[in-house]
Amino acid sequence: MTEYDNTNRGSIWKNEKKDKDTHPDFTGSLNVGGVEYWVSAWKRKEGAAAKAPALSFSVKPKDEQQPMSQRAPAKRPDPISSGRSLKDDMDGDDIPFAPEWRG
């Protein structure tokens, strides 16, 4: 028996665990170019304009969907022990909403 190739294919199913209106109506998975993704989809809201999309989607890579308890904490080098100054550690590019750094 030959193995079925799921590359560039996906599927969604009714979300049996939907407890709130904000939870997706459908969930599933998708493979794009050999990378696996989780898919969430929401139906058009009642009373929405007829031209509104019938479904809205959210797609996230599967390898980024680890439970919080299994995620390693983000590590930033300590500016004191690494010899870096705090100014070097506070690069304005790291904070997209921060005003320009003038120091």
N, C-alpha and C. Protein backbone atom coordinates (compact mmCIF):
# COMPACT_ATOMS: atom_id res chain seq x y z
N MET A 1 0.85 -1.18 0.00
CA MET A 1 0.00 0.00 0.00
C MET A 1 0.89 1.24 0.00
N THR A 2 0.61 2.19 -0.88
CA THR A 2 1.41 3.41 -0.94
C THR A 2 0.90 4.41 0.09
N GLU A 3 1.84 5.21 0.64
CA GLU A 3 1.49 6.22 1.64
C GLU A 3 0.92 7.44 0.93
N TYR A 4 -0.14 8.01 1.49
CA TYR A 4 -0.80 9.18 0.91
C TYR A 4 0.02 10.43 1.20
N ASP A 5 0.23 11.28 0.21
CA ASP A 5 1.00 12.51 0.36
C ASP A 5 0.07 13.67 0.72
N ASN A 6 0.22 14.19 1.95
CA ASN A 6 -0.62 15.29 2.42
C ASN A 6 0.01 16.66 2.19
N THR A 7 1.11 16.75 1.45
CA THR A 7 1.76 18.03 1.21
C THR A 7 0.79 18.97 0.50
N ASN A 8 0.72 20.20 1.00
CA ASN A 8 -0.15 21.25 0.45
C ASN A 8 -1.64 20.88 0.53
N ARG A 9 -1.99 20.19 1.61
CA ARG A 9 -3.39 19.83 1.86
C ARG A 9 -3.72 20.10 3.32
N GLY A 10 -4.99 20.21 3.62
CA GLY A 10 -5.41 20.40 5.00
C GLY A 10 -6.87 20.04 5.17
N SER A 11 -7.33 20.08 6.41
CA SER A 11 -8.73 19.79 6.69
C SER A 11 -9.14 20.50 7.98
N ILE A 12 -10.42 20.82 8.07
CA ILE A 12 -10.96 21.40 9.30
C ILE A 12 -12.21 20.61 9.66
N TRP A 13 -12.49 20.57 10.96
CA TRP A 13 -13.63 19.83 11.49
C TRP A 13 -14.33 20.70 12.51
N LYS A 14 -15.58 20.40 12.79
CA LYS A 14 -16.33 21.14 13.79
C LYS A 14 -15.60 21.05 15.13
N ASN A 15 -15.46 22.20 15.82
CA ASN A 15 -14.78 22.25 17.12
C ASN A 15 -15.76 21.77 18.19
N GLU A 16 -15.57 20.55 18.67
CA GLU A 16 -16.44 19.97 19.69
C GLU A 16 -16.17 20.56 21.07
N LYS A 17 -15.06 21.31 21.23
CA LYS A 17 -14.69 21.88 22.53
C LYS A 17 -15.01 23.37 22.62
N LYS A 18 -15.85 23.88 21.74
CA LYS A 18 -16.18 25.32 21.75
C LYS A 18 -17.04 25.63 22.97
N ASP A 19 -16.51 26.46 23.88
CA ASP A 19 -17.21 26.84 25.10
C ASP A 19 -17.66 28.31 25.07
N LYS A 20 -16.96 29.14 24.29
CA LYS A 20 -17.24 30.58 24.23
C LYS A 20 -17.40 31.01 22.78
N ASP A 21 -18.03 32.16 22.57
CA ASP A 21 -18.19 32.69 21.22
C ASP A 21 -16.85 33.00 20.56
N THR A 22 -15.83 33.29 21.37
CA THR A 22 -14.52 33.63 20.81
C THR A 22 -13.74 32.40 20.36
N HIS A 23 -14.13 31.21 20.79
CA HIS A 23 -13.45 29.99 20.36
C HIS A 23 -13.80 29.71 18.90
N PRO A 24 -12.86 29.09 18.16
CA PRO A 24 -13.15 28.82 16.75
C PRO A 24 -14.30 27.84 16.57
N ASP A 25 -15.02 28.00 15.46
CA ASP A 25 -16.10 27.07 15.13
C ASP A 25 -15.54 25.77 14.56
N PHE A 26 -14.37 25.86 13.91
CA PHE A 26 -13.72 24.70 13.30
C PHE A 26 -12.23 24.72 13.65
N THR A 27 -11.64 23.55 13.76
CA THR A 27 -10.19 23.43 13.96
C THR A 27 -9.68 22.31 13.07
N GLY A 28 -8.39 22.34 12.80
CA GLY A 28 -7.82 21.30 11.96
C GLY A 28 -6.34 21.52 11.77
N SER A 29 -5.84 20.95 10.68
CA SER A 29 -4.41 21.09 10.38
C SER A 29 -4.22 21.28 8.89
N LEU A 30 -3.02 21.75 8.54
CA LEU A 30 -2.71 22.11 7.17
C LEU A 30 -1.22 21.86 6.95
N ASN A 31 -0.87 21.39 5.77
CA ASN A 31 0.52 21.19 5.41
C ASN A 31 0.82 22.08 4.22
N VAL A 32 1.79 22.98 4.37
CA VAL A 32 2.20 23.85 3.27
C VAL A 32 3.69 23.65 3.04
N GLY A 33 4.03 23.11 1.90
CA GLY A 33 5.43 22.90 1.56
C GLY A 33 6.15 21.99 2.55
N GLY A 34 5.45 21.05 3.15
CA GLY A 34 6.06 20.12 4.09
C GLY A 34 6.06 20.60 5.54
N VAL A 35 5.54 21.81 5.81
CA VAL A 35 5.48 22.36 7.17
C VAL A 35 4.05 22.21 7.68
N GLU A 36 3.92 21.66 8.89
CA GLU A 36 2.61 21.43 9.49
C GLU A 36 2.12 22.67 10.24
N TYR A 37 0.83 23.00 10.10
CA TYR A 37 0.21 24.14 10.75
C TYR A 37 -1.10 23.72 11.41
N TRP A 38 -1.47 24.42 12.50
CA TRP A 38 -2.79 24.31 13.08
C TRP A 38 -3.68 25.34 12.39
N VAL A 39 -4.93 25.01 12.16
CA VAL A 39 -5.88 25.91 11.52
C VAL A 39 -7.07 26.10 12.45
N SER A 40 -7.50 27.34 12.62
CA SER A 40 -8.73 27.67 13.34
C SER A 40 -9.59 28.48 12.39
N ALA A 41 -10.91 28.26 12.43
CA ALA A 41 -11.80 28.99 11.54
C ALA A 41 -13.07 29.38 12.29
N TRP A 42 -13.57 30.57 11.95
CA TRP A 42 -14.79 31.10 12.55
C TRP A 42 -15.82 31.35 11.46
N LYS A 43 -17.07 31.01 11.73
CA LYS A 43 -18.16 31.26 10.77
C LYS A 43 -18.53 32.74 10.77
N ARG A 44 -19.15 33.17 9.70
CA ARG A 44 -19.67 34.54 9.60
C ARG A 44 -20.65 34.77 10.74
N LYS A 45 -20.54 35.91 11.37
CA LYS A 45 -21.42 36.25 12.49
C LYS A 45 -22.84 36.50 11.98
N GLU A 46 -23.82 36.13 12.79
CA GLU A 46 -25.22 36.37 12.45
C GLU A 46 -25.45 37.88 12.31
N GLY A 47 -26.08 38.28 11.24
CA GLY A 47 -26.36 39.69 10.99
C GLY A 47 -25.23 40.41 10.26
N ALA A 48 -24.13 39.71 9.92
CA ALA A 48 -23.02 40.33 9.21
C ALA A 48 -23.44 40.63 7.77
N ALA A 49 -22.76 41.56 7.14
CA ALA A 49 -23.04 41.92 5.75
C ALA A 49 -22.92 40.68 4.86
N ALA A 50 -23.74 40.63 3.84
CA ALA A 50 -23.74 39.48 2.93
C ALA A 50 -22.39 39.28 2.24
N LYS A 51 -21.63 40.37 2.09
CA LYS A 51 -20.32 40.27 1.44
C LYS A 51 -19.19 39.89 2.41
N ALA A 52 -19.52 39.72 3.68
CA ALA A 52 -18.51 39.31 4.66
C ALA A 52 -18.05 37.89 4.33
N PRO A 53 -16.79 37.57 4.64
CA PRO A 53 -16.32 36.20 4.36
C PRO A 53 -17.16 35.18 5.12
N ALA A 54 -17.40 34.04 4.48
CA ALA A 54 -18.16 32.97 5.13
C ALA A 54 -17.34 32.37 6.28
N LEU A 55 -16.02 32.36 6.14
CA LEU A 55 -15.12 31.85 7.18
C LEU A 55 -13.92 32.77 7.31
N SER A 56 -13.43 32.95 8.54
CA SER A 56 -12.16 33.64 8.80
C SER A 56 -11.20 32.58 9.33
N PHE A 57 -9.93 32.67 8.97
CA PHE A 57 -8.96 31.66 9.36
C PHE A 57 -7.82 32.24 10.18
N SER A 58 -7.25 31.41 11.03
CA SER A 58 -6.01 31.69 11.75
C SER A 58 -5.13 30.47 11.55
N VAL A 59 -3.88 30.68 11.14
CA VAL A 59 -2.96 29.57 10.87
C VAL A 59 -1.69 29.79 11.68
N LYS A 60 -1.26 28.76 12.44
CA LYS A 60 -0.05 28.85 13.27
C LYS A 60 0.78 27.59 13.09
N PRO A 61 2.11 27.73 12.98
CA PRO A 61 2.96 26.54 12.87
C PRO A 61 2.78 25.62 14.07
N LYS A 62 2.72 24.32 13.82
CA LYS A 62 2.52 23.36 14.91
C LYS A 62 3.66 23.38 15.91
N ASP A 63 4.89 23.58 15.46
CA ASP A 63 6.02 23.54 16.40
C ASP A 63 6.06 24.74 17.32
N GLU A 64 5.23 25.77 17.10
CA GLU A 64 5.15 26.93 17.99
C GLU A 64 4.00 26.78 18.98
N GLN A 65 3.24 25.72 18.90
CA GLN A 65 2.06 25.55 19.73
C GLN A 65 2.30 24.62 20.91
N GLN A 66 3.39 24.79 21.62
CA GLN A 66 3.65 24.00 22.80
C GLN A 66 2.90 24.60 23.98
N PRO A 67 2.40 23.76 24.89
CA PRO A 67 1.78 24.29 26.09
C PRO A 67 2.75 25.16 26.87
N MET A 68 2.24 26.19 27.55
CA MET A 68 3.08 27.11 28.31
C MET A 68 3.99 26.37 29.30
N SER A 69 3.48 25.29 29.89
CA SER A 69 4.26 24.55 30.88
C SER A 69 5.49 23.88 30.27
N GLN A 70 5.48 23.66 28.94
CA GLN A 70 6.61 23.00 28.28
C GLN A 70 7.55 23.98 27.58
N ARG A 71 7.17 25.26 27.52
CA ARG A 71 8.00 26.24 26.83
C ARG A 71 9.17 26.66 27.70
N ALA A 72 10.32 26.79 27.08
CA ALA A 72 11.49 27.29 27.79
C ALA A 72 11.37 28.80 27.91
N PRO A 73 11.69 29.35 29.07
CA PRO A 73 11.61 30.81 29.20
C PRO A 73 12.60 31.50 28.27
N ALA A 74 12.19 32.65 27.76
CA ALA A 74 13.08 33.43 26.89
C ALA A 74 14.26 33.92 27.72
N LYS A 75 15.46 33.76 27.18
CA LYS A 75 16.66 34.15 27.92
C LYS A 75 17.31 35.33 27.22
N ARG A 76 17.52 36.40 27.97
CA ARG A 76 18.27 37.56 27.49
C ARG A 76 19.53 37.63 28.32
N PRO A 77 20.64 37.96 27.70
CA PRO A 77 21.87 38.07 28.47
C PRO A 77 21.77 39.17 29.53
N ASP A 78 22.28 38.89 30.69
CA ASP A 78 22.31 39.86 31.77
C ASP A 78 23.32 40.93 31.41
N PRO A 79 22.91 42.22 31.29
CA PRO A 79 23.84 43.26 30.86
C PRO A 79 25.00 43.47 31.82
N ILE A 80 24.83 43.18 33.10
CA ILE A 80 25.91 43.39 34.07
C ILE A 80 26.97 42.31 33.93
N SER A 81 26.56 41.04 33.95
CA SER A 81 27.54 39.96 33.89
C SER A 81 28.14 39.79 32.50
N SER A 82 27.45 40.23 31.45
CA SER A 82 27.98 40.07 30.10
C SER A 82 28.87 41.23 29.69
N GLY A 83 28.91 42.31 30.52
CA GLY A 83 29.74 43.46 30.20
C GLY A 83 29.07 44.43 29.25
N ARG A 84 27.83 44.16 28.87
CA ARG A 84 27.10 45.06 27.98
C ARG A 84 26.44 46.15 28.80
N SER A 85 26.30 47.32 28.22
CA SER A 85 25.62 48.39 28.94
C SER A 85 24.11 48.23 28.78
N LEU A 86 23.36 48.80 29.68
CA LEU A 86 21.91 48.74 29.61
C LEU A 86 21.42 49.43 28.33
N LYS A 87 22.11 50.49 27.91
CA LYS A 87 21.74 51.20 26.69
C LYS A 87 21.83 50.27 25.48
N ASP A 88 22.89 49.44 25.44
CA ASP A 88 23.04 48.49 24.34
C ASP A 88 21.91 47.47 24.35
N ASP A 89 21.45 47.12 25.55
CA ASP A 89 20.39 46.12 25.70
C ASP A 89 19.04 46.68 25.31
N MET A 90 18.86 47.98 25.36
CA MET A 90 17.57 48.62 25.09
C MET A 90 17.54 49.22 23.68
N ASP A 91 17.83 48.43 22.70
CA ASP A 91 17.79 48.88 21.32
C ASP A 91 16.36 49.19 20.94
N GLY A 92 16.09 50.37 20.41
CA GLY A 92 14.74 50.79 20.05
C GLY A 92 14.08 49.89 19.03
N ASP A 93 14.85 49.14 18.22
CA ASP A 93 14.27 48.25 17.23
C ASP A 93 13.57 47.06 17.89
N ASP A 94 13.92 46.73 19.13
CA ASP A 94 13.30 45.61 19.81
C ASP A 94 11.91 45.94 20.30
N ILE A 95 11.58 47.23 20.43
CA ILE A 95 10.29 47.65 20.94
C ILE A 95 9.60 48.46 19.86
N PRO A 96 8.66 47.83 19.11
CA PRO A 96 8.09 48.51 17.95
C PRO A 96 7.29 49.76 18.25
N PHE A 97 6.80 49.94 19.48
CA PHE A 97 5.97 51.09 19.81
C PHE A 97 6.75 52.17 20.54
N ALA A 98 8.03 51.93 20.79
CA ALA A 98 8.84 52.88 21.58
C ALA A 98 9.24 54.08 20.73
N PRO A 99 9.34 55.26 21.34
CA PRO A 99 9.84 56.42 20.60
C PRO A 99 11.32 56.23 20.28
N GLU A 100 11.81 57.02 19.37
CA GLU A 100 13.22 56.92 18.98
C GLU A 100 14.12 57.16 20.19
N TRP A 101 15.18 56.36 20.29
CA TRP A 101 16.14 56.46 21.40
C TRP A 101 17.12 57.56 21.09
N ARG A 102 17.25 58.50 21.97
CA ARG A 102 18.23 59.58 21.81
C ARG A 102 19.07 59.62 23.08
N GLY A 103 20.27 59.17 22.98
CA GLY A 103 21.09 59.10 24.18
C GLY A 103 22.49 59.60 24.00
